[in-house]
């Protein structure tokens, strides 16, 4: 069992197309045509961007697709080095002034630096229409090499770095996502004709340690699947800190979310972590479905602690990390809401390829054709 838990720390939990064949529904019928799907997803997009900015006092800003390697500002996604960005050299001026560039994997670190660039005060923040490339994912029904997110960041005070404030922000996010669900169902009533339940009005908040206590022998994704049978929409606190069984709920990078600060749970127990994920049950694929990852960002103390735990103290040489240690950028909370993942959940879709255009292997496209899943090309 320990080997299963170790292998389950990263990745989607599907490692081959024989398994995916069993997961994708065999009786699928899209409730919307490809054209209607595009119209509906842009209605969702507009609603979420407008209302997320209103709820959290954010402004929409431009976001980079490329960053320099030397900045250390790219998102490494985890802390085991398994997911590396696409890198290339821009020769520029016949090699006299080259640039070592990387495609972003997420805008997590850039956003925090951007709070200073856009002069955001406490209680103000930014939201981006982010695009990224993650080449190391296994391409299945809800993972692709092309990533689209609403990456957002909000400047906060030191006193707001606690579980109570995190919970308040998560509840505002869920209000927006749930509102988008209701909005698009009003525009497209046929979304209610498939017999699938709507997203629930309320989120259930649980710490990763509580879920482990309920299902101590299960790997992480199996625990999430089991708990979602009881609560179809959850927020899991504390992702990254080693739990009672010695494993973190999931690996998390050491230099953005604070997963190590100790706090007190609602029932009075000591817990670690000021971050978490929103997951919902997808009734179409009958699987766990992650919508967003977010958290209070590291301060100087938690950054050093997490880099030391991850054997990455040499990262303190990067400009981004120095800016945190030297208190040159705001304390913040932030996250990334998966756009295509959200469209899948709200529009009752079986595959990311129904709502976004990217590359898929022929074996997957043929599988989708057999199962009546229209993958965009």
Protein backbone atom coordinates (compact mmCIF):
# COMPACT_ATOMS: atom_id res chain seq x y z
CA UNK A 1 0.00 0.00 0.00
CA UNK A 2 2.85 2.43 0.75
CA UNK A 3 4.08 2.01 -2.82
CA UNK A 4 0.61 2.86 -4.12
CA UNK A 5 0.55 5.99 -1.99
CA UNK A 6 4.00 7.04 -3.20
CA UNK A 7 3.05 6.60 -6.85
CA UNK A 8 -0.19 8.51 -6.28
CA UNK A 9 1.46 11.73 -5.08
CA UNK A 10 1.59 13.29 -8.54
CA UNK A 11 -0.18 12.87 -11.82
CA UNK A 12 -3.79 12.16 -12.78
CA UNK A 13 -3.95 8.57 -11.60
CA UNK A 14 -4.42 7.24 -15.15
CA UNK A 15 -1.26 5.97 -16.78
CA UNK A 16 -2.40 4.17 -19.93
CA UNK A 17 -5.15 4.19 -22.52
CA UNK A 18 -6.52 0.78 -21.58
CA UNK A 19 -7.54 2.29 -18.23
CA UNK A 20 -8.88 5.42 -19.92
CA UNK A 21 -11.02 3.28 -22.22
CA UNK A 22 -12.81 1.95 -19.14
CA UNK A 23 -13.25 5.41 -17.63
CA UNK A 24 -14.72 7.34 -20.55
CA UNK A 25 -18.51 6.83 -20.72
CA UNK A 26 -19.77 4.45 -23.40
CA UNK A 27 -23.29 5.93 -23.53
CA UNK A 28 -22.33 9.59 -23.90
CA UNK A 29 -24.46 12.18 -25.65
CA UNK A 30 -23.39 15.82 -25.48
CA UNK A 31 -26.22 18.09 -24.37
CA UNK A 32 -24.94 20.92 -26.58
CA UNK A 33 -23.67 20.96 -30.16
CA UNK A 34 -20.05 22.08 -30.77
CA UNK A 35 -21.30 25.55 -31.76
CA UNK A 36 -23.61 25.83 -28.75
CA UNK A 37 -20.75 24.64 -26.55
CA UNK A 38 -18.55 27.52 -27.72
CA UNK A 39 -21.32 30.05 -27.14
CA UNK A 40 -22.07 28.63 -23.69
CA UNK A 41 -18.46 28.45 -22.53
CA UNK A 42 -17.87 32.09 -23.45
CA UNK A 43 -20.98 32.98 -21.45
CA UNK A 44 -19.39 31.14 -18.50
CA UNK A 45 -16.06 32.85 -19.12
CA UNK A 46 -17.59 36.34 -19.13
CA UNK A 47 -19.64 35.63 -16.02
CA UNK A 48 -16.70 34.27 -14.02
CA UNK A 49 -14.28 37.02 -14.99
CA UNK A 50 -16.76 39.79 -14.19
CA UNK A 51 -17.98 38.32 -10.91
CA UNK A 52 -14.62 37.05 -9.67
CA UNK A 53 -13.24 40.55 -10.08
CA UNK A 54 -16.25 41.99 -8.25
CA UNK A 55 -16.17 39.51 -5.34
CA UNK A 56 -12.41 39.80 -4.68
CA UNK A 57 -11.79 43.38 -5.89
CA UNK A 58 -9.55 42.34 -8.79
CA UNK A 59 -8.71 43.88 -12.15
CA UNK A 60 -8.03 41.93 -15.34
CA UNK A 61 -4.40 42.28 -16.47
CA UNK A 62 -2.11 40.95 -19.20
CA UNK A 63 -0.08 37.85 -18.33
CA UNK A 64 3.13 36.46 -19.88
CA UNK A 65 3.35 33.32 -21.97
CA UNK A 66 7.16 33.44 -21.76
CA UNK A 67 9.54 34.12 -18.87
CA UNK A 68 13.31 34.00 -18.59
CA UNK A 69 14.98 30.98 -17.07
CA UNK A 70 17.17 33.17 -14.86
CA UNK A 71 14.21 34.83 -13.14
CA UNK A 72 13.15 31.67 -11.30
CA UNK A 73 9.60 32.86 -11.79
CA UNK A 74 8.24 29.84 -13.66
CA UNK A 75 5.95 27.50 -11.80
CA UNK A 76 7.55 24.09 -11.25
CA UNK A 77 4.16 22.61 -10.19
CA UNK A 78 5.65 20.22 -7.63
CA UNK A 79 8.88 19.71 -5.74
CA UNK A 80 10.23 16.45 -7.16
CA UNK A 81 11.50 17.89 -10.43
CA UNK A 82 9.30 15.67 -12.59
CA UNK A 83 7.50 18.41 -14.52
CA UNK A 84 9.88 20.70 -16.38
CA UNK A 85 8.95 23.63 -18.62
CA UNK A 86 9.51 23.89 -22.35
CA UNK A 87 12.76 25.86 -22.68
CA UNK A 88 14.43 27.41 -25.70
CA UNK A 89 17.11 29.97 -26.55
CA UNK A 90 16.26 33.13 -28.46
CA UNK A 91 19.54 33.88 -30.28
CA UNK A 92 18.67 37.57 -30.75
CA UNK A 93 21.14 39.95 -32.40
CA UNK A 94 23.14 37.07 -33.95
CA UNK A 95 23.75 35.56 -30.54
CA UNK A 96 25.14 38.74 -29.02
CA UNK A 97 22.21 39.29 -26.66
CA UNK A 98 20.49 35.91 -26.29
CA UNK A 99 17.54 35.16 -24.03
CA UNK A 100 16.99 31.82 -22.30
CA UNK A 101 13.20 31.59 -22.43
CA UNK A 102 10.64 29.22 -20.94
CA UNK A 103 6.96 28.72 -21.64
CA UNK A 104 5.10 29.28 -18.39
CA UNK A 105 3.52 26.28 -16.67
CA UNK A 106 1.40 28.63 -14.55
CA UNK A 107 1.60 32.29 -13.60
CA UNK A 108 1.67 31.63 -9.85
CA UNK A 109 4.90 33.46 -9.01
CA UNK A 110 4.58 36.13 -11.69
CA UNK A 111 1.23 37.25 -10.26
CA UNK A 112 2.68 38.00 -6.88
CA UNK A 113 5.44 40.10 -8.40
CA UNK A 114 2.80 41.78 -10.57
CA UNK A 115 0.90 43.00 -7.50
CA UNK A 116 3.80 45.38 -6.96
CA UNK A 117 4.03 46.25 -10.66
CA UNK A 118 0.37 47.25 -10.76
CA UNK A 119 0.56 49.03 -7.37
CA UNK A 120 -2.05 46.84 -5.69
CA UNK A 121 -2.77 47.81 -2.08
CA UNK A 122 -4.07 45.47 0.60
CA UNK A 123 -7.50 44.25 -0.49
CA UNK A 124 -6.74 44.81 -4.18
CA UNK A 125 -5.61 42.26 -6.72
CA UNK A 126 -5.36 41.01 -10.27
CA UNK A 127 -6.93 38.32 -12.45
CA UNK A 128 -5.43 36.90 -15.64
CA UNK A 129 -6.64 34.92 -18.63
CA UNK A 130 -3.61 32.64 -18.45
CA UNK A 131 -2.36 30.17 -21.07
CA UNK A 132 0.43 27.68 -20.40
CA UNK A 133 2.07 24.49 -21.63
CA UNK A 134 2.70 21.45 -19.42
CA UNK A 135 4.47 18.87 -21.53
CA UNK A 136 4.84 16.17 -18.86
CA UNK A 137 1.18 15.33 -18.28
CA UNK A 138 -0.32 12.05 -19.45
CA UNK A 139 -2.97 13.17 -21.94
CA UNK A 140 -6.33 11.83 -20.78
CA UNK A 141 -9.87 13.16 -20.39
CA UNK A 142 -9.05 16.05 -18.03
CA UNK A 143 -5.30 16.62 -18.50
CA UNK A 144 -3.79 18.20 -21.59
CA UNK A 145 -0.51 19.83 -22.55
CA UNK A 146 -2.43 23.08 -23.09
CA UNK A 147 -3.59 24.79 -19.90
CA UNK A 148 -6.02 27.69 -19.52
CA UNK A 149 -6.67 29.22 -16.11
CA UNK A 150 -8.07 32.24 -14.39
CA UNK A 151 -4.93 32.92 -12.36
CA UNK A 152 -5.70 35.50 -9.67
CA UNK A 153 -3.84 37.11 -6.77
CA UNK A 154 -4.96 39.37 -3.90
CA UNK A 155 -2.77 41.46 -1.58
CA UNK A 156 -3.42 40.75 2.11
CA UNK A 157 -2.15 41.62 5.58
CA UNK A 158 -0.07 39.41 7.86
CA UNK A 159 -3.12 39.05 10.13
CA UNK A 160 -5.12 37.54 7.25
CA UNK A 161 -2.71 34.64 6.86
CA UNK A 162 -5.02 32.15 8.58
CA UNK A 163 -7.56 29.41 7.87
CA UNK A 164 -10.55 31.64 8.58
CA UNK A 165 -9.61 34.15 5.89
CA UNK A 166 -8.74 31.37 3.45
CA UNK A 167 -12.19 29.89 4.02
CA UNK A 168 -13.91 33.23 3.38
CA UNK A 169 -12.11 33.61 0.05
CA UNK A 170 -12.90 30.04 -1.01
CA UNK A 171 -16.58 30.64 -0.27
CA UNK A 172 -16.52 33.70 -2.53
CA UNK A 173 -14.92 31.66 -5.32
CA UNK A 174 -17.57 28.98 -4.98
CA UNK A 175 -20.31 31.59 -5.08
CA UNK A 176 -18.95 32.73 -8.47
CA UNK A 177 -18.57 29.22 -9.90
CA UNK A 178 -22.02 28.21 -8.68
CA UNK A 179 -23.44 31.44 -10.08
CA UNK A 180 -21.93 30.71 -13.48
CA UNK A 181 -23.53 27.26 -13.38
CA UNK A 182 -26.97 28.75 -12.74
CA UNK A 183 -26.45 31.51 -15.32
CA UNK A 184 -25.58 29.22 -18.22
CA UNK A 185 -28.38 26.78 -17.32
CA UNK A 186 -30.81 29.68 -17.70
CA UNK A 187 -29.37 30.43 -21.15
CA UNK A 188 -29.30 26.76 -22.20
CA UNK A 189 -32.13 24.87 -20.46
CA UNK A 190 -31.20 21.65 -22.31
CA UNK A 191 -28.24 21.35 -19.88
CA UNK A 192 -30.84 20.19 -17.38
CA UNK A 193 -32.13 17.42 -19.65
CA UNK A 194 -29.33 14.91 -19.18
CA UNK A 195 -30.29 13.80 -15.71
CA UNK A 196 -27.06 15.13 -14.23
CA UNK A 197 -27.20 17.00 -10.89
CA UNK A 198 -26.28 20.68 -10.74
CA UNK A 199 -23.28 21.82 -8.75
CA UNK A 200 -24.32 21.94 -5.08
CA UNK A 201 -24.96 25.30 -3.43
CA UNK A 202 -22.54 24.63 -0.58
CA UNK A 203 -18.96 23.42 -0.33
CA UNK A 204 -17.88 21.01 2.39
CA UNK A 205 -14.56 21.99 4.02
CA UNK A 206 -12.27 19.17 5.17
CA UNK A 207 -8.61 18.95 6.09
CA UNK A 208 -6.49 16.37 4.26
CA UNK A 209 -5.77 14.80 7.66
CA UNK A 210 -9.49 14.25 8.28
CA UNK A 211 -9.92 12.49 4.94
CA UNK A 212 -6.90 10.28 5.69
CA UNK A 213 -8.46 9.33 9.04
CA UNK A 214 -11.63 8.26 7.21
CA UNK A 215 -9.76 6.20 4.60
CA UNK A 216 -6.31 5.40 6.03
CA UNK A 217 -5.43 2.59 3.63
CA UNK A 218 -6.37 4.35 0.39
CA UNK A 219 -4.04 6.37 -1.86
CA UNK A 220 -4.93 10.02 -2.21
CA UNK A 221 -7.06 9.91 -5.37
CA UNK A 222 -9.05 6.99 -4.04
CA UNK A 223 -9.67 8.92 -0.81
CA UNK A 224 -10.90 11.90 -2.81
CA UNK A 225 -13.18 9.69 -4.88
CA UNK A 226 -14.61 8.08 -1.74
CA UNK A 227 -15.28 11.35 0.09
CA UNK A 228 -16.93 12.86 -2.99
CA UNK A 229 -19.55 10.12 -2.84
CA UNK A 230 -20.66 11.67 0.42
CA UNK A 231 -19.97 15.34 -0.34
CA UNK A 232 -20.12 16.15 -4.08
CA UNK A 233 -18.22 19.46 -3.73
CA UNK A 234 -15.35 19.83 -1.26
CA UNK A 235 -12.44 22.05 -0.36
CA UNK A 236 -9.45 20.14 1.00
CA UNK A 237 -7.19 22.11 3.32
CA UNK A 238 -3.51 21.38 3.89
CA UNK A 239 -2.07 19.93 0.69
CA UNK A 240 1.71 19.50 0.84
CA UNK A 241 2.52 18.85 4.50
CA UNK A 242 3.30 15.21 5.42
CA UNK A 243 0.21 13.65 6.99
CA UNK A 244 -0.06 11.03 9.73
CA UNK A 245 0.92 8.23 7.33
CA UNK A 246 4.12 10.06 6.34
CA UNK A 247 2.92 11.16 2.90
CA UNK A 248 1.58 14.57 1.86
CA UNK A 249 -1.90 14.54 0.37
CA UNK A 250 -0.19 15.62 -2.83
CA UNK A 251 3.21 17.07 -3.71
CA UNK A 252 3.22 20.86 -3.91
CA UNK A 253 5.97 23.27 -4.91
CA UNK A 254 7.86 24.79 -2.00
CA UNK A 255 7.80 28.41 -3.10
CA UNK A 256 4.23 29.58 -3.63
CA UNK A 257 1.47 28.12 -1.40
CA UNK A 258 2.09 27.98 2.34
CA UNK A 259 1.51 24.34 3.23
CA UNK A 260 3.67 24.26 6.36
CA UNK A 261 2.34 26.93 8.74
CA UNK A 262 0.61 25.40 11.74
CA UNK A 263 -2.95 26.37 12.57
CA UNK A 264 -5.97 25.09 14.46
CA UNK A 265 -8.87 23.27 12.80
CA UNK A 266 -12.52 24.05 13.48
CA UNK A 267 -12.62 21.22 16.04
CA UNK A 268 -9.50 22.47 17.83
CA UNK A 269 -6.81 20.15 16.53
CA UNK A 270 -3.39 21.37 15.30
CA UNK A 271 -3.13 21.20 11.50
CA UNK A 272 -0.69 22.41 8.88
CA UNK A 273 -1.28 24.33 5.70
CA UNK A 274 -3.00 27.49 4.48
CA UNK A 275 -3.88 26.15 1.06
CA UNK A 276 -6.15 23.67 -0.67
CA UNK A 277 -8.17 22.48 -3.67
CA UNK A 278 -11.80 22.59 -4.75
CA UNK A 279 -12.94 19.23 -6.12
CA UNK A 280 -16.34 18.19 -7.38
CA UNK A 281 -17.88 14.92 -8.46
CA UNK A 282 -18.22 14.75 -12.25
CA UNK A 283 -21.38 12.74 -12.94
CA UNK A 284 -20.49 12.37 -16.63
CA UNK A 285 -17.11 10.72 -16.16
CA UNK A 286 -18.05 9.45 -12.69
CA UNK A 287 -14.72 10.61 -11.32
CA UNK A 288 -13.16 13.22 -9.04
CA UNK A 289 -12.79 16.54 -10.83
CA UNK A 290 -10.44 19.28 -9.62
CA UNK A 291 -11.49 22.85 -10.42
CA UNK A 292 -9.00 25.02 -8.61
CA UNK A 293 -5.88 25.01 -6.47
CA UNK A 294 -5.21 28.02 -4.25
CA UNK A 295 -3.78 29.25 -1.00
CA UNK A 296 -2.17 31.86 1.16
CA UNK A 297 1.28 32.44 -0.31
CA UNK A 298 4.54 31.85 1.51
CA UNK A 299 6.09 34.57 3.61
CA UNK A 300 9.81 34.74 4.38
CA UNK A 301 9.58 32.26 7.24
CA UNK A 302 7.47 29.61 5.51
CA UNK A 303 9.44 29.95 2.27
CA UNK A 304 12.71 29.14 4.03
CA UNK A 305 11.08 26.27 5.92
CA UNK A 306 9.56 24.72 2.79
CA UNK A 307 12.69 25.14 0.70
CA UNK A 308 14.70 23.45 3.44
CA UNK A 309 12.19 20.58 3.67
CA UNK A 310 12.41 20.19 -0.12
CA UNK A 311 16.21 20.50 -0.28
CA UNK A 312 15.92 23.57 -2.51
CA UNK A 313 17.56 26.33 -0.46
CA UNK A 314 19.67 27.27 -3.48
CA UNK A 315 16.47 28.78 -4.95
CA UNK A 316 16.95 31.71 -2.56
CA UNK A 317 19.37 33.09 -5.15
CA UNK A 318 16.53 33.79 -7.62
CA UNK A 319 15.06 37.33 -7.75
CA UNK A 320 11.54 36.12 -6.92
CA UNK A 321 12.66 34.30 -3.79
CA UNK A 322 14.89 37.15 -2.66
CA UNK A 323 11.97 39.55 -3.03
CA UNK A 324 9.91 37.44 -0.59
CA UNK A 325 12.72 37.11 1.95
CA UNK A 326 13.44 40.85 1.75
CA UNK A 327 9.71 41.74 2.04
CA UNK A 328 9.79 43.58 -1.28
CA UNK A 329 6.51 42.16 -2.63
CA UNK A 330 3.09 42.03 -0.96
CA UNK A 331 1.81 39.19 1.15
CA UNK A 332 -0.95 37.58 -0.85
CA UNK A 333 -3.47 34.84 -1.42
CA UNK A 334 -4.10 33.45 -4.88
CA UNK A 335 -4.95 30.54 -7.08
CA UNK A 336 -5.72 29.18 -10.49
CA UNK A 337 -9.19 28.16 -11.61
CA UNK A 338 -9.00 25.73 -14.51
CA UNK A 339 -11.06 27.20 -17.31
CA UNK A 340 -11.58 24.08 -19.41
CA UNK A 341 -12.08 21.98 -16.26
CA UNK A 342 -14.80 24.41 -15.15
CA UNK A 343 -16.45 24.34 -18.58
CA UNK A 344 -16.44 20.53 -18.44
CA UNK A 345 -18.21 20.53 -15.08
CA UNK A 346 -20.79 23.18 -15.92
CA UNK A 347 -21.53 22.07 -19.50
CA UNK A 348 -21.63 18.36 -18.54
CA UNK A 349 -18.79 17.27 -20.81
CA UNK A 350 -16.83 14.03 -20.87
CA UNK A 351 -13.54 15.38 -22.25
CA UNK A 352 -11.41 18.53 -22.19
CA UNK A 353 -11.13 18.33 -25.96
CA UNK A 354 -14.81 19.25 -26.25
CA UNK A 355 -14.13 22.72 -24.83
CA UNK A 356 -10.53 23.49 -25.84
CA UNK A 357 -8.42 22.98 -28.95
CA UNK A 358 -5.05 21.32 -28.42
CA UNK A 359 -3.05 18.26 -29.44
CA UNK A 360 -4.12 14.72 -28.61
CA UNK A 361 -2.61 11.38 -29.65
CA UNK A 362 -4.45 9.52 -32.40
CA UNK A 363 -5.24 6.64 -30.00
CA UNK A 364 -7.21 9.03 -27.79
CA UNK A 365 -9.00 10.75 -30.66
CA UNK A 366 -10.08 7.40 -32.09
CA UNK A 367 -11.27 6.30 -28.64
CA UNK A 368 -13.39 9.45 -28.37
CA UNK A 369 -14.86 8.91 -31.84
CA UNK A 370 -15.99 5.42 -30.85
CA UNK A 371 -17.62 6.83 -27.73
CA UNK A 372 -19.44 9.70 -29.48
CA UNK A 373 -17.20 12.35 -27.88
CA UNK A 374 -16.55 15.23 -30.29
CA UNK A 375 -12.94 16.38 -29.77
CA UNK A 376 -12.18 19.75 -31.35
CA UNK A 377 -9.33 19.98 -33.86
